[in-house]
Amino acid sequence: ALFNLLDKMNDYKESEILKSGIVKK
């Protein structure tokens, strides 16, 4: 799930990863 999310991003944004609920900080 993290791979798919990062693949769609144009720029790395840690806030978007945390907001997605995939993983805790």
PDBML (XML) file of the C-alpha atoms, coordinates in Angstrom:
<?xml version="1.0" encoding="UTF-8" ?>
<PDBx:datablock datablockName="MODEL"
   xmlns:PDBx="http://pdbml.pdb.org/schema/pdbx-v50.xsd"
   xmlns:xsi="http://www.w3.org/2001/XMLSchema-instance"
   xsi:schemaLocation="http://pdbml.pdb.org/schema/pdbx-v50.xsd pdbx-v50.xsd">
   <PDBx:atom_siteCategory>
      <PDBx:atom_site id="1">
         <PDBx:B_iso_or_equiv>0.00</PDBx:B_iso_or_equiv>
         <PDBx:Cartn_x>0.000</PDBx:Cartn_x>
         <PDBx:Cartn_y>0.000</PDBx:Cartn_y>
         <PDBx:Cartn_z>0.000</PDBx:Cartn_z>
         <PDBx:auth_asym_id>A</PDBx:auth_asym_id>
         <PDBx:auth_atom_id>CA</PDBx:auth_atom_id>
         <PDBx:auth_comp_id>ALA</PDBx:auth_comp_id>
         <PDBx:auth_seq_id>1</PDBx:auth_seq_id>
         <PDBx:group_PDB>ATOM</PDBx:group_PDB>
         <PDBx:label_alt_id xsi:nil="true" />
         <PDBx:label_asym_id>A</PDBx:label_asym_id>
         <PDBx:label_atom_id>CA</PDBx:label_atom_id>
         <PDBx:label_comp_id>ALA</PDBx:label_comp_id>
         <PDBx:label_entity_id>1</PDBx:label_entity_id>
         <PDBx:label_seq_id>1</PDBx:label_seq_id>
         <PDBx:occupancy>1.00</PDBx:occupancy>
         <PDBx:pdbx_PDB_model_num>1</PDBx:pdbx_PDB_model_num>
         <PDBx:type_symbol>C</PDBx:type_symbol>
      </PDBx:atom_site>
      <PDBx:atom_site id="2">
         <PDBx:B_iso_or_equiv>0.00</PDBx:B_iso_or_equiv>
         <PDBx:Cartn_x>2.912</PDBx:Cartn_x>
         <PDBx:Cartn_y>2.348</PDBx:Cartn_y>
         <PDBx:Cartn_z>0.775</PDBx:Cartn_z>
         <PDBx:auth_asym_id>A</PDBx:auth_asym_id>
         <PDBx:auth_atom_id>CA</PDBx:auth_atom_id>
         <PDBx:auth_comp_id>LEU</PDBx:auth_comp_id>
         <PDBx:auth_seq_id>2</PDBx:auth_seq_id>
         <PDBx:group_PDB>ATOM</PDBx:group_PDB>
         <PDBx:label_alt_id xsi:nil="true" />
         <PDBx:label_asym_id>A</PDBx:label_asym_id>
         <PDBx:label_atom_id>CA</PDBx:label_atom_id>
         <PDBx:label_comp_id>LEU</PDBx:label_comp_id>
         <PDBx:label_entity_id>1</PDBx:label_entity_id>
         <PDBx:label_seq_id>2</PDBx:label_seq_id>
         <PDBx:occupancy>1.00</PDBx:occupancy>
         <PDBx:pdbx_PDB_model_num>1</PDBx:pdbx_PDB_model_num>
         <PDBx:type_symbol>C</PDBx:type_symbol>
      </PDBx:atom_site>
      <PDBx:atom_site id="3">
         <PDBx:B_iso_or_equiv>0.00</PDBx:B_iso_or_equiv>
         <PDBx:Cartn_x>4.522</PDBx:Cartn_x>
         <PDBx:Cartn_y>1.459</PDBx:Cartn_y>
         <PDBx:Cartn_z>-2.540</PDBx:Cartn_z>
         <PDBx:auth_asym_id>A</PDBx:auth_asym_id>
         <PDBx:auth_atom_id>CA</PDBx:auth_atom_id>
         <PDBx:auth_comp_id>PHE</PDBx:auth_comp_id>
         <PDBx:auth_seq_id>3</PDBx:auth_seq_id>
         <PDBx:group_PDB>ATOM</PDBx:group_PDB>
         <PDBx:label_alt_id xsi:nil="true" />
         <PDBx:label_asym_id>A</PDBx:label_asym_id>
         <PDBx:label_atom_id>CA</PDBx:label_atom_id>
         <PDBx:label_comp_id>PHE</PDBx:label_comp_id>
         <PDBx:label_entity_id>1</PDBx:label_entity_id>
         <PDBx:label_seq_id>3</PDBx:label_seq_id>
         <PDBx:occupancy>1.00</PDBx:occupancy>
         <PDBx:pdbx_PDB_model_num>1</PDBx:pdbx_PDB_model_num>
         <PDBx:type_symbol>C</PDBx:type_symbol>
      </PDBx:atom_site>
      <PDBx:atom_site id="4">
         <PDBx:B_iso_or_equiv>0.00</PDBx:B_iso_or_equiv>
         <PDBx:Cartn_x>1.330</PDBx:Cartn_x>
         <PDBx:Cartn_y>2.296</PDBx:Cartn_y>
         <PDBx:Cartn_z>-4.467</PDBx:Cartn_z>
         <PDBx:auth_asym_id>A</PDBx:auth_asym_id>
         <PDBx:auth_atom_id>CA</PDBx:auth_atom_id>
         <PDBx:auth_comp_id>ASN</PDBx:auth_comp_id>
         <PDBx:auth_seq_id>4</PDBx:auth_seq_id>
         <PDBx:group_PDB>ATOM</PDBx:group_PDB>
         <PDBx:label_alt_id xsi:nil="true" />
         <PDBx:label_asym_id>A</PDBx:label_asym_id>
         <PDBx:label_atom_id>CA</PDBx:label_atom_id>
         <PDBx:label_comp_id>ASN</PDBx:label_comp_id>
         <PDBx:label_entity_id>1</PDBx:label_entity_id>
         <PDBx:label_seq_id>4</PDBx:label_seq_id>
         <PDBx:occupancy>1.00</PDBx:occupancy>
         <PDBx:pdbx_PDB_model_num>1</PDBx:pdbx_PDB_model_num>
         <PDBx:type_symbol>C</PDBx:type_symbol>
      </PDBx:atom_site>
      <PDBx:atom_site id="5">
         <PDBx:B_iso_or_equiv>0.00</PDBx:B_iso_or_equiv>
         <PDBx:Cartn_x>0.930</PDBx:Cartn_x>
         <PDBx:Cartn_y>5.593</PDBx:Cartn_y>
         <PDBx:Cartn_z>-2.611</PDBx:Cartn_z>
         <PDBx:auth_asym_id>A</PDBx:auth_asym_id>
         <PDBx:auth_atom_id>CA</PDBx:auth_atom_id>
         <PDBx:auth_comp_id>LEU</PDBx:auth_comp_id>
         <PDBx:auth_seq_id>5</PDBx:auth_seq_id>
         <PDBx:group_PDB>ATOM</PDBx:group_PDB>
         <PDBx:label_alt_id xsi:nil="true" />
         <PDBx:label_asym_id>A</PDBx:label_asym_id>
         <PDBx:label_atom_id>CA</PDBx:label_atom_id>
         <PDBx:label_comp_id>LEU</PDBx:label_comp_id>
         <PDBx:label_entity_id>1</PDBx:label_entity_id>
         <PDBx:label_seq_id>5</PDBx:label_seq_id>
         <PDBx:occupancy>1.00</PDBx:occupancy>
         <PDBx:pdbx_PDB_model_num>1</PDBx:pdbx_PDB_model_num>
         <PDBx:type_symbol>C</PDBx:type_symbol>
      </PDBx:atom_site>
      <PDBx:atom_site id="6">
         <PDBx:B_iso_or_equiv>0.00</PDBx:B_iso_or_equiv>
         <PDBx:Cartn_x>4.545</PDBx:Cartn_x>
         <PDBx:Cartn_y>6.696</PDBx:Cartn_y>
         <PDBx:Cartn_z>-3.214</PDBx:Cartn_z>
         <PDBx:auth_asym_id>A</PDBx:auth_asym_id>
         <PDBx:auth_atom_id>CA</PDBx:auth_atom_id>
         <PDBx:auth_comp_id>LEU</PDBx:auth_comp_id>
         <PDBx:auth_seq_id>6</PDBx:auth_seq_id>
         <PDBx:group_PDB>ATOM</PDBx:group_PDB>
         <PDBx:label_alt_id xsi:nil="true" />
         <PDBx:label_asym_id>A</PDBx:label_asym_id>
         <PDBx:label_atom_id>CA</PDBx:label_atom_id>
         <PDBx:label_comp_id>LEU</PDBx:label_comp_id>
         <PDBx:label_entity_id>1</PDBx:label_entity_id>
         <PDBx:label_seq_id>6</PDBx:label_seq_id>
         <PDBx:occupancy>1.00</PDBx:occupancy>
         <PDBx:pdbx_PDB_model_num>1</PDBx:pdbx_PDB_model_num>
         <PDBx:type_symbol>C</PDBx:type_symbol>
      </PDBx:atom_site>
      <PDBx:atom_site id="7">
         <PDBx:B_iso_or_equiv>0.00</PDBx:B_iso_or_equiv>
         <PDBx:Cartn_x>4.328</PDBx:Cartn_x>
         <PDBx:Cartn_y>5.636</PDBx:Cartn_y>
         <PDBx:Cartn_z>-6.849</PDBx:Cartn_z>
         <PDBx:auth_asym_id>A</PDBx:auth_asym_id>
         <PDBx:auth_atom_id>CA</PDBx:auth_atom_id>
         <PDBx:auth_comp_id>ASP</PDBx:auth_comp_id>
         <PDBx:auth_seq_id>7</PDBx:auth_seq_id>
         <PDBx:group_PDB>ATOM</PDBx:group_PDB>
         <PDBx:label_alt_id xsi:nil="true" />
         <PDBx:label_asym_id>A</PDBx:label_asym_id>
         <PDBx:label_atom_id>CA</PDBx:label_atom_id>
         <PDBx:label_comp_id>ASP</PDBx:label_comp_id>
         <PDBx:label_entity_id>1</PDBx:label_entity_id>
         <PDBx:label_seq_id>7</PDBx:label_seq_id>
         <PDBx:occupancy>1.00</PDBx:occupancy>
         <PDBx:pdbx_PDB_model_num>1</PDBx:pdbx_PDB_model_num>
         <PDBx:type_symbol>C</PDBx:type_symbol>
      </PDBx:atom_site>
      <PDBx:atom_site id="8">
         <PDBx:B_iso_or_equiv>0.00</PDBx:B_iso_or_equiv>
         <PDBx:Cartn_x>1.410</PDBx:Cartn_x>
         <PDBx:Cartn_y>8.051</PDBx:Cartn_y>
         <PDBx:Cartn_z>-7.398</PDBx:Cartn_z>
         <PDBx:auth_asym_id>A</PDBx:auth_asym_id>
         <PDBx:auth_atom_id>CA</PDBx:auth_atom_id>
         <PDBx:auth_comp_id>LYS</PDBx:auth_comp_id>
         <PDBx:auth_seq_id>8</PDBx:auth_seq_id>
         <PDBx:group_PDB>ATOM</PDBx:group_PDB>
         <PDBx:label_alt_id xsi:nil="true" />
         <PDBx:label_asym_id>A</PDBx:label_asym_id>
         <PDBx:label_atom_id>CA</PDBx:label_atom_id>
         <PDBx:label_comp_id>LYS</PDBx:label_comp_id>
         <PDBx:label_entity_id>1</PDBx:label_entity_id>
         <PDBx:label_seq_id>8</PDBx:label_seq_id>
         <PDBx:occupancy>1.00</PDBx:occupancy>
         <PDBx:pdbx_PDB_model_num>1</PDBx:pdbx_PDB_model_num>
         <PDBx:type_symbol>C</PDBx:type_symbol>
      </PDBx:atom_site>
      <PDBx:atom_site id="9">
         <PDBx:B_iso_or_equiv>0.00</PDBx:B_iso_or_equiv>
         <PDBx:Cartn_x>3.145</PDBx:Cartn_x>
         <PDBx:Cartn_y>11.005</PDBx:Cartn_y>
         <PDBx:Cartn_z>-5.686</PDBx:Cartn_z>
         <PDBx:auth_asym_id>A</PDBx:auth_asym_id>
         <PDBx:auth_atom_id>CA</PDBx:auth_atom_id>
         <PDBx:auth_comp_id>MET</PDBx:auth_comp_id>
         <PDBx:auth_seq_id>9</PDBx:auth_seq_id>
         <PDBx:group_PDB>ATOM</PDBx:group_PDB>
         <PDBx:label_alt_id xsi:nil="true" />
         <PDBx:label_asym_id>A</PDBx:label_asym_id>
         <PDBx:label_atom_id>CA</PDBx:label_atom_id>
         <PDBx:label_comp_id>MET</PDBx:label_comp_id>
         <PDBx:label_entity_id>1</PDBx:label_entity_id>
         <PDBx:label_seq_id>9</PDBx:label_seq_id>
         <PDBx:occupancy>1.00</PDBx:occupancy>
         <PDBx:pdbx_PDB_model_num>1</PDBx:pdbx_PDB_model_num>
         <PDBx:type_symbol>C</PDBx:type_symbol>
      </PDBx:atom_site>
      <PDBx:atom_site id="10">
         <PDBx:B_iso_or_equiv>0.00</PDBx:B_iso_or_equiv>
         <PDBx:Cartn_x>4.970</PDBx:Cartn_x>
         <PDBx:Cartn_y>13.639</PDBx:Cartn_y>
         <PDBx:Cartn_z>-7.719</PDBx:Cartn_z>
         <PDBx:auth_asym_id>A</PDBx:auth_asym_id>
         <PDBx:auth_atom_id>CA</PDBx:auth_atom_id>
         <PDBx:auth_comp_id>ASN</PDBx:auth_comp_id>
         <PDBx:auth_seq_id>10</PDBx:auth_seq_id>
         <PDBx:group_PDB>ATOM</PDBx:group_PDB>
         <PDBx:label_alt_id xsi:nil="true" />
         <PDBx:label_asym_id>A</PDBx:label_asym_id>
         <PDBx:label_atom_id>CA</PDBx:label_atom_id>
         <PDBx:label_comp_id>ASN</PDBx:label_comp_id>
         <PDBx:label_entity_id>1</PDBx:label_entity_id>
         <PDBx:label_seq_id>10</PDBx:label_seq_id>
         <PDBx:occupancy>1.00</PDBx:occupancy>
         <PDBx:pdbx_PDB_model_num>1</PDBx:pdbx_PDB_model_num>
         <PDBx:type_symbol>C</PDBx:type_symbol>
      </PDBx:atom_site>
      <PDBx:atom_site id="11">
         <PDBx:B_iso_or_equiv>0.00</PDBx:B_iso_or_equiv>
         <PDBx:Cartn_x>6.860</PDBx:Cartn_x>
         <PDBx:Cartn_y>14.869</PDBx:Cartn_y>
         <PDBx:Cartn_z>-4.635</PDBx:Cartn_z>
         <PDBx:auth_asym_id>A</PDBx:auth_asym_id>
         <PDBx:auth_atom_id>CA</PDBx:auth_atom_id>
         <PDBx:auth_comp_id>ASP</PDBx:auth_comp_id>
         <PDBx:auth_seq_id>11</PDBx:auth_seq_id>
         <PDBx:group_PDB>ATOM</PDBx:group_PDB>
         <PDBx:label_alt_id xsi:nil="true" />
         <PDBx:label_asym_id>A</PDBx:label_asym_id>
         <PDBx:label_atom_id>CA</PDBx:label_atom_id>
         <PDBx:label_comp_id>ASP</PDBx:label_comp_id>
         <PDBx:label_entity_id>1</PDBx:label_entity_id>
         <PDBx:label_seq_id>11</PDBx:label_seq_id>
         <PDBx:occupancy>1.00</PDBx:occupancy>
         <PDBx:pdbx_PDB_model_num>1</PDBx:pdbx_PDB_model_num>
         <PDBx:type_symbol>C</PDBx:type_symbol>
      </PDBx:atom_site>
      <PDBx:atom_site id="12">
         <PDBx:B_iso_or_equiv>0.00</PDBx:B_iso_or_equiv>
         <PDBx:Cartn_x>7.595</PDBx:Cartn_x>
         <PDBx:Cartn_y>13.107</PDBx:Cartn_y>
         <PDBx:Cartn_z>-1.392</PDBx:Cartn_z>
         <PDBx:auth_asym_id>A</PDBx:auth_asym_id>
         <PDBx:auth_atom_id>CA</PDBx:auth_atom_id>
         <PDBx:auth_comp_id>TYR</PDBx:auth_comp_id>
         <PDBx:auth_seq_id>12</PDBx:auth_seq_id>
         <PDBx:group_PDB>ATOM</PDBx:group_PDB>
         <PDBx:label_alt_id xsi:nil="true" />
         <PDBx:label_asym_id>A</PDBx:label_asym_id>
         <PDBx:label_atom_id>CA</PDBx:label_atom_id>
         <PDBx:label_comp_id>TYR</PDBx:label_comp_id>
         <PDBx:label_entity_id>1</PDBx:label_entity_id>
         <PDBx:label_seq_id>12</PDBx:label_seq_id>
         <PDBx:occupancy>1.00</PDBx:occupancy>
         <PDBx:pdbx_PDB_model_num>1</PDBx:pdbx_PDB_model_num>
         <PDBx:type_symbol>C</PDBx:type_symbol>
      </PDBx:atom_site>
      <PDBx:atom_site id="13">
         <PDBx:B_iso_or_equiv>0.00</PDBx:B_iso_or_equiv>
         <PDBx:Cartn_x>5.194</PDBx:Cartn_x>
         <PDBx:Cartn_y>14.316</PDBx:Cartn_y>
         <PDBx:Cartn_z>1.330</PDBx:Cartn_z>
         <PDBx:auth_asym_id>A</PDBx:auth_asym_id>
         <PDBx:auth_atom_id>CA</PDBx:auth_atom_id>
         <PDBx:auth_comp_id>LYS</PDBx:auth_comp_id>
         <PDBx:auth_seq_id>13</PDBx:auth_seq_id>
         <PDBx:group_PDB>ATOM</PDBx:group_PDB>
         <PDBx:label_alt_id xsi:nil="true" />
         <PDBx:label_asym_id>A</PDBx:label_asym_id>
         <PDBx:label_atom_id>CA</PDBx:label_atom_id>
         <PDBx:label_comp_id>LYS</PDBx:label_comp_id>
         <PDBx:label_entity_id>1</PDBx:label_entity_id>
         <PDBx:label_seq_id>13</PDBx:label_seq_id>
         <PDBx:occupancy>1.00</PDBx:occupancy>
         <PDBx:pdbx_PDB_model_num>1</PDBx:pdbx_PDB_model_num>
         <PDBx:type_symbol>C</PDBx:type_symbol>
      </PDBx:atom_site>
      <PDBx:atom_site id="14">
         <PDBx:B_iso_or_equiv>0.00</PDBx:B_iso_or_equiv>
         <PDBx:Cartn_x>5.308</PDBx:Cartn_x>
         <PDBx:Cartn_y>12.516</PDBx:Cartn_y>
         <PDBx:Cartn_z>4.659</PDBx:Cartn_z>
         <PDBx:auth_asym_id>A</PDBx:auth_asym_id>
         <PDBx:auth_atom_id>CA</PDBx:auth_atom_id>
         <PDBx:auth_comp_id>GLU</PDBx:auth_comp_id>
         <PDBx:auth_seq_id>14</PDBx:auth_seq_id>
         <PDBx:group_PDB>ATOM</PDBx:group_PDB>
         <PDBx:label_alt_id xsi:nil="true" />
         <PDBx:label_asym_id>A</PDBx:label_asym_id>
         <PDBx:label_atom_id>CA</PDBx:label_atom_id>
         <PDBx:label_comp_id>GLU</PDBx:label_comp_id>
         <PDBx:label_entity_id>1</PDBx:label_entity_id>
         <PDBx:label_seq_id>14</PDBx:label_seq_id>
         <PDBx:occupancy>1.00</PDBx:occupancy>
         <PDBx:pdbx_PDB_model_num>1</PDBx:pdbx_PDB_model_num>
         <PDBx:type_symbol>C</PDBx:type_symbol>
      </PDBx:atom_site>
      <PDBx:atom_site id="15">
         <PDBx:B_iso_or_equiv>0.00</PDBx:B_iso_or_equiv>
         <PDBx:Cartn_x>2.118</PDBx:Cartn_x>
         <PDBx:Cartn_y>14.268</PDBx:Cartn_y>
         <PDBx:Cartn_z>5.766</PDBx:Cartn_z>
         <PDBx:auth_asym_id>A</PDBx:auth_asym_id>
         <PDBx:auth_atom_id>CA</PDBx:auth_atom_id>
         <PDBx:auth_comp_id>SER</PDBx:auth_comp_id>
         <PDBx:auth_seq_id>15</PDBx:auth_seq_id>
         <PDBx:group_PDB>ATOM</PDBx:group_PDB>
         <PDBx:label_alt_id xsi:nil="true" />
         <PDBx:label_asym_id>A</PDBx:label_asym_id>
         <PDBx:label_atom_id>CA</PDBx:label_atom_id>
         <PDBx:label_comp_id>SER</PDBx:label_comp_id>
         <PDBx:label_entity_id>1</PDBx:label_entity_id>
         <PDBx:label_seq_id>15</PDBx:label_seq_id>
         <PDBx:occupancy>1.00</PDBx:occupancy>
         <PDBx:pdbx_PDB_model_num>1</PDBx:pdbx_PDB_model_num>
         <PDBx:type_symbol>C</PDBx:type_symbol>
      </PDBx:atom_site>
      <PDBx:atom_site id="16">
         <PDBx:B_iso_or_equiv>0.00</PDBx:B_iso_or_equiv>
         <PDBx:Cartn_x>0.160</PDBx:Cartn_x>
         <PDBx:Cartn_y>12.565</PDBx:Cartn_y>
         <PDBx:Cartn_z>2.960</PDBx:Cartn_z>
         <PDBx:auth_asym_id>A</PDBx:auth_asym_id>
         <PDBx:auth_atom_id>CA</PDBx:auth_atom_id>
         <PDBx:auth_comp_id>GLU</PDBx:auth_comp_id>
         <PDBx:auth_seq_id>16</PDBx:auth_seq_id>
         <PDBx:group_PDB>ATOM</PDBx:group_PDB>
         <PDBx:label_alt_id xsi:nil="true" />
         <PDBx:label_asym_id>A</PDBx:label_asym_id>
         <PDBx:label_atom_id>CA</PDBx:label_atom_id>
         <PDBx:label_comp_id>GLU</PDBx:label_comp_id>
         <PDBx:label_entity_id>1</PDBx:label_entity_id>
         <PDBx:label_seq_id>16</PDBx:label_seq_id>
         <PDBx:occupancy>1.00</PDBx:occupancy>
         <PDBx:pdbx_PDB_model_num>1</PDBx:pdbx_PDB_model_num>
         <PDBx:type_symbol>C</PDBx:type_symbol>
      </PDBx:atom_site>
      <PDBx:atom_site id="17">
         <PDBx:B_iso_or_equiv>0.00</PDBx:B_iso_or_equiv>
         <PDBx:Cartn_x>1.478</PDBx:Cartn_x>
         <PDBx:Cartn_y>9.138</PDBx:Cartn_y>
         <PDBx:Cartn_z>3.997</PDBx:Cartn_z>
         <PDBx:auth_asym_id>A</PDBx:auth_asym_id>
         <PDBx:auth_atom_id>CA</PDBx:auth_atom_id>
         <PDBx:auth_comp_id>ILE</PDBx:auth_comp_id>
         <PDBx:auth_seq_id>17</PDBx:auth_seq_id>
         <PDBx:group_PDB>ATOM</PDBx:group_PDB>
         <PDBx:label_alt_id xsi:nil="true" />
         <PDBx:label_asym_id>A</PDBx:label_asym_id>
         <PDBx:label_atom_id>CA</PDBx:label_atom_id>
         <PDBx:label_comp_id>ILE</PDBx:label_comp_id>
         <PDBx:label_entity_id>1</PDBx:label_entity_id>
         <PDBx:label_seq_id>17</PDBx:label_seq_id>
         <PDBx:occupancy>1.00</PDBx:occupancy>
         <PDBx:pdbx_PDB_model_num>1</PDBx:pdbx_PDB_model_num>
         <PDBx:type_symbol>C</PDBx:type_symbol>
      </PDBx:atom_site>
      <PDBx:atom_site id="18">
         <PDBx:B_iso_or_equiv>0.00</PDBx:B_iso_or_equiv>
         <PDBx:Cartn_x>0.382</PDBx:Cartn_x>
         <PDBx:Cartn_y>9.662</PDBx:Cartn_y>
         <PDBx:Cartn_z>7.600</PDBx:Cartn_z>
         <PDBx:auth_asym_id>A</PDBx:auth_asym_id>
         <PDBx:auth_atom_id>CA</PDBx:auth_atom_id>
         <PDBx:auth_comp_id>LEU</PDBx:auth_comp_id>
         <PDBx:auth_seq_id>18</PDBx:auth_seq_id>
         <PDBx:group_PDB>ATOM</PDBx:group_PDB>
         <PDBx:label_alt_id xsi:nil="true" />
         <PDBx:label_asym_id>A</PDBx:label_asym_id>
         <PDBx:label_atom_id>CA</PDBx:label_atom_id>
         <PDBx:label_comp_id>LEU</PDBx:label_comp_id>
         <PDBx:label_entity_id>1</PDBx:label_entity_id>
         <PDBx:label_seq_id>18</PDBx:label_seq_id>
         <PDBx:occupancy>1.00</PDBx:occupancy>
         <PDBx:pdbx_PDB_model_num>1</PDBx:pdbx_PDB_model_num>
         <PDBx:type_symbol>C</PDBx:type_symbol>
      </PDBx:atom_site>
      <PDBx:atom_site id="19">
         <PDBx:B_iso_or_equiv>0.00</PDBx:B_iso_or_equiv>
         <PDBx:Cartn_x>-2.955</PDBx:Cartn_x>
         <PDBx:Cartn_y>11.105</PDBx:Cartn_y>
         <PDBx:Cartn_z>6.483</PDBx:Cartn_z>
         <PDBx:auth_asym_id>A</PDBx:auth_asym_id>
         <PDBx:auth_atom_id>CA</PDBx:auth_atom_id>
         <PDBx:auth_comp_id>LYS</PDBx:auth_comp_id>
         <PDBx:auth_seq_id>19</PDBx:auth_seq_id>
         <PDBx:group_PDB>ATOM</PDBx:group_PDB>
         <PDBx:label_alt_id xsi:nil="true" />
         <PDBx:label_asym_id>A</PDBx:label_asym_id>
         <PDBx:label_atom_id>CA</PDBx:label_atom_id>
         <PDBx:label_comp_id>LYS</PDBx:label_comp_id>
         <PDBx:label_entity_id>1</PDBx:label_entity_id>
         <PDBx:label_seq_id>19</PDBx:label_seq_id>
         <PDBx:occupancy>1.00</PDBx:occupancy>
         <PDBx:pdbx_PDB_model_num>1</PDBx:pdbx_PDB_model_num>
         <PDBx:type_symbol>C</PDBx:type_symbol>
      </PDBx:atom_site>
      <PDBx:atom_site id="20">
         <PDBx:B_iso_or_equiv>0.00</PDBx:B_iso_or_equiv>
         <PDBx:Cartn_x>-3.627</PDBx:Cartn_x>
         <PDBx:Cartn_y>7.963</PDBx:Cartn_y>
         <PDBx:Cartn_z>4.377</PDBx:Cartn_z>
         <PDBx:auth_asym_id>A</PDBx:auth_asym_id>
         <PDBx:auth_atom_id>CA</PDBx:auth_atom_id>
         <PDBx:auth_comp_id>SER</PDBx:auth_comp_id>
         <PDBx:auth_seq_id>20</PDBx:auth_seq_id>
         <PDBx:group_PDB>ATOM</PDBx:group_PDB>
         <PDBx:label_alt_id xsi:nil="true" />
         <PDBx:label_asym_id>A</PDBx:label_asym_id>
         <PDBx:label_atom_id>CA</PDBx:label_atom_id>
         <PDBx:label_comp_id>SER</PDBx:label_comp_id>
         <PDBx:label_entity_id>1</PDBx:label_entity_id>
         <PDBx:label_seq_id>20</PDBx:label_seq_id>
         <PDBx:occupancy>1.00</PDBx:occupancy>
         <PDBx:pdbx_PDB_model_num>1</PDBx:pdbx_PDB_model_num>
         <PDBx:type_symbol>C</PDBx:type_symbol>
      </PDBx:atom_site>
      <PDBx:atom_site id="21">
         <PDBx:B_iso_or_equiv>0.00</PDBx:B_iso_or_equiv>
         <PDBx:Cartn_x>-3.778</PDBx:Cartn_x>
         <PDBx:Cartn_y>5.822</PDBx:Cartn_y>
         <PDBx:Cartn_z>7.526</PDBx:Cartn_z>
         <PDBx:auth_asym_id>A</PDBx:auth_asym_id>
         <PDBx:auth_atom_id>CA</PDBx:auth_atom_id>
         <PDBx:auth_comp_id>GLY</PDBx:auth_comp_id>
         <PDBx:auth_seq_id>21</PDBx:auth_seq_id>
         <PDBx:group_PDB>ATOM</PDBx:group_PDB>
         <PDBx:label_alt_id xsi:nil="true" />
         <PDBx:label_asym_id>A</PDBx:label_asym_id>
         <PDBx:label_atom_id>CA</PDBx:label_atom_id>
         <PDBx:label_comp_id>GLY</PDBx:label_comp_id>
         <PDBx:label_entity_id>1</PDBx:label_entity_id>
         <PDBx:label_seq_id>21</PDBx:label_seq_id>
         <PDBx:occupancy>1.00</PDBx:occupancy>
         <PDBx:pdbx_PDB_model_num>1</PDBx:pdbx_PDB_model_num>
         <PDBx:type_symbol>C</PDBx:type_symbol>
      </PDBx:atom_site>
      <PDBx:atom_site id="22">
         <PDBx:B_iso_or_equiv>0.00</PDBx:B_iso_or_equiv>
         <PDBx:Cartn_x>-1.478</PDBx:Cartn_x>
         <PDBx:Cartn_y>3.161</PDBx:Cartn_y>
         <PDBx:Cartn_z>6.088</PDBx:Cartn_z>
         <PDBx:auth_asym_id>A</PDBx:auth_asym_id>
         <PDBx:auth_atom_id>CA</PDBx:auth_atom_id>
         <PDBx:auth_comp_id>ILE</PDBx:auth_comp_id>
         <PDBx:auth_seq_id>22</PDBx:auth_seq_id>
         <PDBx:group_PDB>ATOM</PDBx:group_PDB>
         <PDBx:label_alt_id xsi:nil="true" />
         <PDBx:label_asym_id>A</PDBx:label_asym_id>
         <PDBx:label_atom_id>CA</PDBx:label_atom_id>
         <PDBx:label_comp_id>ILE</PDBx:label_comp_id>
         <PDBx:label_entity_id>1</PDBx:label_entity_id>
         <PDBx:label_seq_id>22</PDBx:label_seq_id>
         <PDBx:occupancy>1.00</PDBx:occupancy>
         <PDBx:pdbx_PDB_model_num>1</PDBx:pdbx_PDB_model_num>
         <PDBx:type_symbol>C</PDBx:type_symbol>
      </PDBx:atom_site>
      <PDBx:atom_site id="23">
         <PDBx:B_iso_or_equiv>0.00</PDBx:B_iso_or_equiv>
         <PDBx:Cartn_x>0.980</PDBx:Cartn_x>
         <PDBx:Cartn_y>3.465</PDBx:Cartn_y>
         <PDBx:Cartn_z>8.948</PDBx:Cartn_z>
         <PDBx:auth_asym_id>A</PDBx:auth_asym_id>
         <PDBx:auth_atom_id>CA</PDBx:auth_atom_id>
         <PDBx:auth_comp_id>VAL</PDBx:auth_comp_id>
         <PDBx:auth_seq_id>23</PDBx:auth_seq_id>
         <PDBx:group_PDB>ATOM</PDBx:group_PDB>
         <PDBx:label_alt_id xsi:nil="true" />
         <PDBx:label_asym_id>A</PDBx:label_asym_id>
         <PDBx:label_atom_id>CA</PDBx:label_atom_id>
         <PDBx:label_comp_id>VAL</PDBx:label_comp_id>
         <PDBx:label_entity_id>1</PDBx:label_entity_id>
         <PDBx:label_seq_id>23</PDBx:label_seq_id>
         <PDBx:occupancy>1.00</PDBx:occupancy>
         <PDBx:pdbx_PDB_model_num>1</PDBx:pdbx_PDB_model_num>
         <PDBx:type_symbol>C</PDBx:type_symbol>
      </PDBx:atom_site>
      <PDBx:atom_site id="24">
         <PDBx:B_iso_or_equiv>0.00</PDBx:B_iso_or_equiv>
         <PDBx:Cartn_x>1.541</PDBx:Cartn_x>
         <PDBx:Cartn_y>5.374</PDBx:Cartn_y>
         <PDBx:Cartn_z>12.177</PDBx:Cartn_z>
         <PDBx:auth_asym_id>A</PDBx:auth_asym_id>
         <PDBx:auth_atom_id>CA</PDBx:auth_atom_id>
         <PDBx:auth_comp_id>LYS</PDBx:auth_comp_id>
         <PDBx:auth_seq_id>24</PDBx:auth_seq_id>
         <PDBx:group_PDB>ATOM</PDBx:group_PDB>
         <PDBx:label_alt_id xsi:nil="true" />
         <PDBx:label_asym_id>A</PDBx:label_asym_id>
         <PDBx:label_atom_id>CA</PDBx:label_atom_id>
         <PDBx:label_comp_id>LYS</PDBx:label_comp_id>
         <PDBx:label_entity_id>1</PDBx:label_entity_id>
         <PDBx:label_seq_id>24</PDBx:label_seq_id>
         <PDBx:occupancy>1.00</PDBx:occupancy>
         <PDBx:pdbx_PDB_model_num>1</PDBx:pdbx_PDB_model_num>
         <PDBx:type_symbol>C</PDBx:type_symbol>
      </PDBx:atom_site>
      <PDBx:atom_site id="25">
         <PDBx:B_iso_or_equiv>0.00</PDBx:B_iso_or_equiv>
         <PDBx:Cartn_x>4.375</PDBx:Cartn_x>
         <PDBx:Cartn_y>7.865</PDBx:Cartn_y>
         <PDBx:Cartn_z>12.421</PDBx:Cartn_z>
         <PDBx:auth_asym_id>A</PDBx:auth_asym_id>
         <PDBx:auth_atom_id>CA</PDBx:auth_atom_id>
         <PDBx:auth_comp_id>LYS</PDBx:auth_comp_id>
         <PDBx:auth_seq_id>25</PDBx:auth_seq_id>
         <PDBx:group_PDB>ATOM</PDBx:group_PDB>
         <PDBx:label_alt_id xsi:nil="true" />
         <PDBx:label_asym_id>A</PDBx:label_asym_id>
         <PDBx:label_atom_id>CA</PDBx:label_atom_id>
         <PDBx:label_comp_id>LYS</PDBx:label_comp_id>
         <PDBx:label_entity_id>1</PDBx:label_entity_id>
         <PDBx:label_seq_id>25</PDBx:label_seq_id>
         <PDBx:occupancy>1.00</PDBx:occupancy>
         <PDBx:pdbx_PDB_model_num>1</PDBx:pdbx_PDB_model_num>
         <PDBx:type_symbol>C</PDBx:type_symbol>
      </PDBx:atom_site>
   </PDBx:atom_siteCategory>
</PDBx:datablock>
